[in-house]
Each structure stands twice: as C-alpha cells, then as structure tokens.
Amino acid sequence: MRWSGLLLVLILAGCAEVEKQVEVKVEPESPVVLEKTESVEPKLKSSTLKYLANRNLKPQPTRPLNVRSKCSYRDAIGTTTKLDLLVKEAVVKNFDAQVTIKGYGSCRFNLKEFEQVEKLPQALLKHKKESGCLVRMWEQGPKVTVAFNSCAKSCEGQAFDYLWPIVVEAKSGRCY
C-alpha cells in the first residue's frame, strides 16, 4: 500500500504543469534611461558572502609585527612545543622552534637556516637550502600565528604530516 501511494504521487508530480517564463526582448536601438532612486547594492551569489555582508567585520590592519615569546607547551596528546621568537617592526631577530610530536618525531627550525624575504603583510622566512620551505608569521587579533609550509626536510619521521602552526598570545608571549 505504501509503495502504490508513493508511485501515485510520483506520477501526479510528473504530470504537473510548469509556468512558462516570459522572455523580455530589449531592442538595441531604444535608449535606456535609468533614474537613480536608491543605492543599488550588488547581489551576492554565495550563501557565505550573504552571511558576511550583514556582519560588522573590519579588515585586519596591516602593520609591522612585534612579538616576543620564549615559551614551552605540552598538549593533551603529548606534543611538546618550544619557541624562542623575537620580531621587531616586522624584522625577525630571533627564531628557534622545536616541536616534538609523540610517536611521529620532531621538527626543528632555526633562524640561521632561513632568510627573511618579506616583512609586510606577513613576515616570511624562506629556507636557504630547502626549496619551497617557508615560515609565515602574522598577527590575527591578539594572537600571532607561526605557520610552516613544505618543510618536511626540517623534520624527522612523519612529524611534518602532523605539524600544526604555533599560536602565540602577543601580549603575554604564551604559546600553544
């Protein structure tokens, strides 16, 4: 009985008529005059942009990065992070990071192995020997993020596959 009811609904849905949409043709010879009555906002196509349009979001200001941190942190799964970082007016003065990931190995990064190639909008360090290995540092609200890209050779084992960015609280220098 249930299947026959479903079949009946599907047959009726297939027979339903759909309204035809009227096509409007504009002749290229007739001039079109638009009167400005209201400000027209652009229509946003994606739902993400629609959501962001009604928010009071402001862009992060582009300013030289200043942060000092000498911290160590151990998380719940046993990952140990040690960081010694000093950045003044977007110039990286000291950078020494060691991340040991339990069961996978460790990664080590030292400023001596890198050269700074950019200051703004992010401090960007490029490895002198490993092509593609980059360390990016940027401010995001009250925190500074230190992220690693394509630096598997700076790690032993499979540690780089599990390496997350290091986040530092700019005011206190605490990391996690």
C-alpha atoms as a PDB file:
ATOM      1  CA  MET A   1       0.000   0.000   0.000  1.00  0.00           C
ATOM      2  CA  ARG A   2       2.806   2.358   0.874  1.00  0.00           C
ATOM      3  CA  TRP A   3       4.574   1.819  -2.465  1.00  0.00           C
ATOM      4  CA  SER A   4       1.435   2.330  -4.504  1.00  0.00           C
ATOM      5  CA  GLY A   5       0.795   5.662  -2.761  1.00  0.00           C
ATOM      6  CA  LEU A   6       4.333   6.766  -3.485  1.00  0.00           C
ATOM      7  CA  LEU A   7       4.011   5.688  -7.102  1.00  0.00           C
ATOM      8  CA  LEU A   8       0.761   7.651  -7.434  1.00  0.00           C
ATOM      9  CA  VAL A   9       2.403  10.813  -6.024  1.00  0.00           C
ATOM     10  CA  LEU A  10       5.344  10.486  -8.424  1.00  0.00           C
ATOM     11  CA  ILE A  11       3.045  10.044 -11.431  1.00  0.00           C
ATOM     12  CA  LEU A  12       0.993  13.092 -10.457  1.00  0.00           C
ATOM     13  CA  ALA A  13       4.149  15.152  -9.911  1.00  0.00           C
ATOM     14  CA  GLY A  14       5.329  14.215 -13.388  1.00  0.00           C
ATOM     15  CA  CYS A  15       2.080  15.488 -14.894  1.00  0.00           C
ATOM     16  CA  ALA A  16       2.190  18.850 -13.151  1.00  0.00           C
ATOM     17  CA  GLU A  17       2.431  21.888 -15.392  1.00  0.00           C
ATOM     18  CA  VAL A  18       5.219  24.376 -15.014  1.00  0.00           C
ATOM     19  CA  GLU A  19       4.555  28.011 -15.788  1.00  0.00           C
ATOM     20  CA  LYS A  20       6.396  29.293 -18.805  1.00  0.00           C
ATOM     21  CA  GLN A  21       8.656  32.218 -18.139  1.00  0.00           C
ATOM     22  CA  VAL A  22       8.101  35.296 -20.224  1.00  0.00           C
ATOM     23  CA  GLU A  23      11.073  36.333 -22.295  1.00  0.00           C
ATOM     24  CA  VAL A  24      11.712  40.065 -22.466  1.00  0.00           C
ATOM     25  CA  LYS A  25      13.496  41.291 -25.536  1.00  0.00           C
ATOM     26  CA  VAL A  26      15.168  44.687 -25.492  1.00  0.00           C
ATOM     27  CA  GLU A  27      15.716  46.365 -28.791  1.00  0.00           C
ATOM     28  CA  PRO A  28      19.265  47.674 -29.104  1.00  0.00           C
ATOM     29  CA  GLU A  29      18.086  50.862 -30.838  1.00  0.00           C
ATOM     30  CA  SER A  30      15.955  52.173 -27.990  1.00  0.00           C
ATOM     31  CA  PRO A  31      17.973  54.158 -25.434  1.00  0.00           C
ATOM     32  CA  VAL A  32      17.526  53.082 -21.845  1.00  0.00           C
ATOM     33  CA  VAL A  33      17.491  55.785 -19.183  1.00  0.00           C
ATOM     34  CA  LEU A  34      17.991  54.756 -15.592  1.00  0.00           C
ATOM     35  CA  GLU A  35      16.823  57.008 -12.831  1.00  0.00           C
ATOM     36  CA  LYS A  36      18.698  56.853  -9.574  1.00  0.00           C
ATOM     37  CA  THR A  37      16.124  56.415  -6.861  1.00  0.00           C
ATOM     38  CA  GLU A  38      18.004  54.241  -4.350  1.00  0.00           C
ATOM     39  CA  SER A  39      21.539  52.990  -3.951  1.00  0.00           C
ATOM     40  CA  VAL A  40      21.751  49.596  -5.518  1.00  0.00           C
ATOM     41  CA  GLU A  41      23.800  47.051  -3.566  1.00  0.00           C
ATOM     42  CA  PRO A  42      25.425  44.267  -5.513  1.00  0.00           C
ATOM     43  CA  LYS A  43      23.658  40.945  -5.276  1.00  0.00           C
ATOM     44  CA  LEU A  44      25.766  38.344  -3.531  1.00  0.00           C
ATOM     45  CA  LYS A  45      25.686  34.904  -5.075  1.00  0.00           C
ATOM     46  CA  SER A  46      27.048  32.577  -2.428  1.00  0.00           C
ATOM     47  CA  SER A  47      25.483  31.983   0.954  1.00  0.00           C
ATOM     48  CA  THR A  48      28.838  32.666   2.652  1.00  0.00           C
ATOM     49  CA  LEU A  49      29.045  36.147   1.148  1.00  0.00           C
ATOM     50  CA  LYS A  50      25.411  36.815   2.071  1.00  0.00           C
ATOM     51  CA  TYR A  51      26.223  35.896   5.659  1.00  0.00           C
ATOM     52  CA  LEU A  52      29.329  38.079   5.771  1.00  0.00           C
ATOM     53  CA  ALA A  53      27.579  41.075   4.164  1.00  0.00           C
ATOM     54  CA  ASN A  54      25.395  41.658   7.217  1.00  0.00           C
ATOM     55  CA  ARG A  55      28.257  41.406   9.696  1.00  0.00           C
ATOM     56  CA  ASN A  56      30.258  44.282  11.058  1.00  0.00           C
ATOM     57  CA  LEU A  57      33.628  42.885  10.004  1.00  0.00           C
ATOM     58  CA  LYS A  58      36.642  45.072   9.545  1.00  0.00           C
ATOM     59  CA  PRO A  59      39.892  44.077   7.846  1.00  0.00           C
ATOM     60  CA  GLN A  60      42.899  43.301   9.982  1.00  0.00           C
ATOM     61  CA  PRO A  61      45.153  46.372   9.903  1.00  0.00           C
ATOM     62  CA  THR A  62      48.435  45.938   8.053  1.00  0.00           C
ATOM     63  CA  ARG A  63      51.136  46.979  10.470  1.00  0.00           C
ATOM     64  CA  PRO A  64      54.613  45.763  11.339  1.00  0.00           C
ATOM     65  CA  LEU A  65      54.608  42.660  13.511  1.00  0.00           C
ATOM     66  CA  ASN A  66      56.029  42.990  17.023  1.00  0.00           C
ATOM     67  CA  VAL A  67      56.154  39.941  19.276  1.00  0.00           C
ATOM     68  CA  ARG A  68      58.430  38.392  21.863  1.00  0.00           C
ATOM     69  CA  SER A  69      57.992  34.862  23.136  1.00  0.00           C
ATOM     70  CA  LYS A  70      60.118  32.369  24.999  1.00  0.00           C
ATOM     71  CA  CYS A  71      57.718  29.602  25.808  1.00  0.00           C
ATOM     72  CA  SER A  72      57.198  25.867  26.035  1.00  0.00           C
ATOM     73  CA  TYR A  73      53.930  23.990  25.915  1.00  0.00           C
ATOM     74  CA  ARG A  74      52.754  20.383  26.118  1.00  0.00           C
ATOM     75  CA  ASP A  75      49.261  19.462  24.934  1.00  0.00           C
ATOM     76  CA  ALA A  76      46.942  16.640  25.985  1.00  0.00           C
ATOM     77  CA  ILE A  77      48.255  14.132  23.410  1.00  0.00           C
ATOM     78  CA  GLY A  78      51.911  14.703  24.251  1.00  0.00           C
ATOM     79  CA  THR A  79      53.026  17.196  21.588  1.00  0.00           C
ATOM     80  CA  THR A  80      55.749  19.413  23.039  1.00  0.00           C
ATOM     81  CA  THR A  81      56.440  22.866  21.610  1.00  0.00           C
ATOM     82  CA  LYS A  82      59.420  25.070  22.489  1.00  0.00           C
ATOM     83  CA  LEU A  83      59.667  28.506  20.915  1.00  0.00           C
ATOM     84  CA  ASP A  84      62.108  31.394  21.205  1.00  0.00           C
ATOM     85  CA  LEU A  85      60.842  34.229  18.991  1.00  0.00           C
ATOM     86  CA  LEU A  86      61.606  37.929  18.689  1.00  0.00           C
ATOM     87  CA  VAL A  87      60.156  40.076  15.920  1.00  0.00           C
ATOM     88  CA  LYS A  88      60.630  43.875  15.994  1.00  0.00           C
ATOM     89  CA  GLU A  89      58.966  46.099  13.406  1.00  0.00           C
ATOM     90  CA  ALA A  90      58.407  43.049  11.139  1.00  0.00           C
ATOM     91  CA  VAL A  91      62.098  42.073  11.221  1.00  0.00           C
ATOM     92  CA  VAL A  92      62.669  38.593  12.646  1.00  0.00           C
ATOM     93  CA  LYS A  93      65.541  38.955  15.108  1.00  0.00           C
ATOM     94  CA  ASN A  94      65.353  35.514  16.756  1.00  0.00           C
ATOM     95  CA  PHE A  95      63.512  32.356  15.743  1.00  0.00           C
ATOM     96  CA  ASP A  96      64.165  28.954  17.226  1.00  0.00           C
ATOM     97  CA  ALA A  97      61.338  26.421  17.293  1.00  0.00           C
ATOM     98  CA  GLN A  98      61.232  22.745  18.199  1.00  0.00           C
ATOM     99  CA  VAL A  99      58.062  20.680  18.029  1.00  0.00           C
ATOM    100  CA  THR A 100      58.132  17.048  19.175  1.00  0.00           C
ATOM    101  CA  ILE A 101      55.093  15.036  18.171  1.00  0.00           C
ATOM    102  CA  LYS A 102      54.696  11.900  20.279  1.00  0.00           C
ATOM    103  CA  GLY A 103      55.109   8.779  18.160  1.00  0.00           C
ATOM    104  CA  TYR A 104      55.987  10.651  14.943  1.00  0.00           C
ATOM    105  CA  GLY A 105      59.260  12.516  15.529  1.00  0.00           C
ATOM    106  CA  SER A 106      60.229  16.162  15.837  1.00  0.00           C
ATOM    107  CA  CYS A 107      60.746  19.287  13.752  1.00  0.00           C
ATOM    108  CA  ARG A 108      63.420  21.931  14.312  1.00  0.00           C
ATOM    109  CA  PHE A 109      63.587  25.412  12.848  1.00  0.00           C
ATOM    110  CA  ASN A 110      66.346  27.962  13.425  1.00  0.00           C
ATOM    111  CA  LEU A 111      66.732  31.466  12.006  1.00  0.00           C
ATOM    112  CA  LYS A 112      70.273  30.627  10.805  1.00  0.00           C
ATOM    113  CA  GLU A 113      68.731  28.254   8.233  1.00  0.00           C
ATOM    114  CA  PHE A 114      66.373  30.914   6.854  1.00  0.00           C
ATOM    115  CA  GLU A 115      66.468  34.305   5.173  1.00  0.00           C
ATOM    116  CA  GLN A 116      63.694  36.849   5.552  1.00  0.00           C
ATOM    117  CA  VAL A 117      62.159  37.632   2.156  1.00  0.00           C
ATOM    118  CA  GLU A 118      59.108  39.712   3.183  1.00  0.00           C
ATOM    119  CA  LYS A 119      58.057  41.937   6.052  1.00  0.00           C
ATOM    120  CA  LEU A 120      54.514  43.022   5.192  1.00  0.00           C
ATOM    121  CA  PRO A 121      51.739  41.957   5.240  1.00  0.00           C
ATOM    122  CA  GLN A 122      53.400  38.884   6.793  1.00  0.00           C
ATOM    123  CA  ALA A 123      56.890  38.199   7.998  1.00  0.00           C
ATOM    124  CA  LEU A 124      58.063  35.495   5.603  1.00  0.00           C
ATOM    125  CA  LEU A 125      61.141  33.327   6.061  1.00  0.00           C
ATOM    126  CA  LYS A 126      62.486  31.175   3.225  1.00  0.00           C
ATOM    127  CA  HIS A 127      64.754  28.210   3.929  1.00  0.00           C
ATOM    128  CA  LYS A 128      68.230  28.653   2.448  1.00  0.00           C
ATOM    129  CA  LYS A 129      68.600  25.013   1.286  1.00  0.00           C
ATOM    130  CA  GLU A 130      65.091  23.506   1.148  1.00  0.00           C
ATOM    131  CA  SER A 131      63.282  24.918  -1.856  1.00  0.00           C
ATOM    132  CA  GLY A 132      59.668  25.636  -1.025  1.00  0.00           C
ATOM    133  CA  CYS A 133      60.114  25.608   2.759  1.00  0.00           C
ATOM    134  CA  LEU A 134      58.524  28.776   4.134  1.00  0.00           C
ATOM    135  CA  VAL A 135      57.701  30.016   7.616  1.00  0.00           C
ATOM    136  CA  ARG A 136      54.980  32.671   7.786  1.00  0.00           C
ATOM    137  CA  MET A 137      54.191  34.870  10.772  1.00  0.00           C
ATOM    138  CA  TRP A 138      51.125  37.061  11.029  1.00  0.00           C
ATOM    139  CA  GLU A 139      49.008  38.860  13.551  1.00  0.00           C
ATOM    140  CA  GLN A 140      45.375  37.872  13.922  1.00  0.00           C
ATOM    141  CA  GLY A 141      43.661  39.879  16.618  1.00  0.00           C
ATOM    142  CA  PRO A 142      45.543  39.448  19.916  1.00  0.00           C
ATOM    143  CA  LYS A 143      47.411  36.384  18.636  1.00  0.00           C
ATOM    144  CA  VAL A 144      50.359  35.740  16.344  1.00  0.00           C
ATOM    145  CA  THR A 145      50.461  32.626  14.168  1.00  0.00           C
ATOM    146  CA  VAL A 146      53.687  30.934  13.067  1.00  0.00           C
ATOM    147  CA  ALA A 147      52.934  28.512  10.210  1.00  0.00           C
ATOM    148  CA  PHE A 148      55.171  26.119   8.304  1.00  0.00           C
ATOM    149  CA  ASN A 149      54.816  25.287   4.592  1.00  0.00           C
ATOM    150  CA  SER A 150      56.621  22.451   2.740  1.00  0.00           C
ATOM    151  CA  CYS A 151      59.284  21.975   5.405  1.00  0.00           C
ATOM    152  CA  ALA A 152      59.276  18.163   5.668  1.00  0.00           C
ATOM    153  CA  LYS A 153      63.100  18.010   5.479  1.00  0.00           C
ATOM    154  CA  SER A 154      63.320  20.006   8.727  1.00  0.00           C
ATOM    155  CA  CYS A 155      61.526  17.150  10.455  1.00  0.00           C
ATOM    156  CA  GLU A 156      62.346  13.557  11.254  1.00  0.00           C
ATOM    157  CA  GLY A 157      59.942  10.683  10.748  1.00  0.00           C
ATOM    158  CA  GLN A 158      56.406  11.676   9.823  1.00  0.00           C
ATOM    159  CA  ALA A 159      56.344  14.668  12.162  1.00  0.00           C
ATOM    160  CA  PHE A 160      55.704  17.231   9.414  1.00  0.00           C
ATOM    161  CA  ASP A 161      52.463  15.443   8.457  1.00  0.00           C
ATOM    162  CA  TYR A 162      51.163  16.225  11.952  1.00  0.00           C
ATOM    163  CA  LEU A 163      52.728  19.663  12.462  1.00  0.00           C
ATOM    164  CA  TRP A 164      50.258  22.448  13.262  1.00  0.00           C
ATOM    165  CA  PRO A 165      51.007  26.185  13.389  1.00  0.00           C
ATOM    166  CA  ILE A 166      52.250  27.626  16.659  1.00  0.00           C
ATOM    167  CA  VAL A 167      49.961  30.274  18.126  1.00  0.00           C
ATOM    168  CA  VAL A 168      51.379  32.933  20.452  1.00  0.00           C
ATOM    169  CA  GLU A 169      49.495  35.414  22.592  1.00  0.00           C
ATOM    170  CA  ALA A 170      51.102  38.693  21.552  1.00  0.00           C
ATOM    171  CA  LYS A 171      50.913  40.434  24.939  1.00  0.00           C
ATOM    172  CA  SER A 172      51.958  37.615  27.266  1.00  0.00           C
ATOM    173  CA  GLY A 173      54.164  35.600  24.893  1.00  0.00           C
ATOM    174  CA  ARG A 174      52.403  32.385  25.912  1.00  0.00           C
ATOM    175  CA  CYS A 175      52.245  29.765  23.172  1.00  0.00           C
ATOM    176  CA  TYR A 176      50.041  26.809  22.356  1.00  0.00           C
END
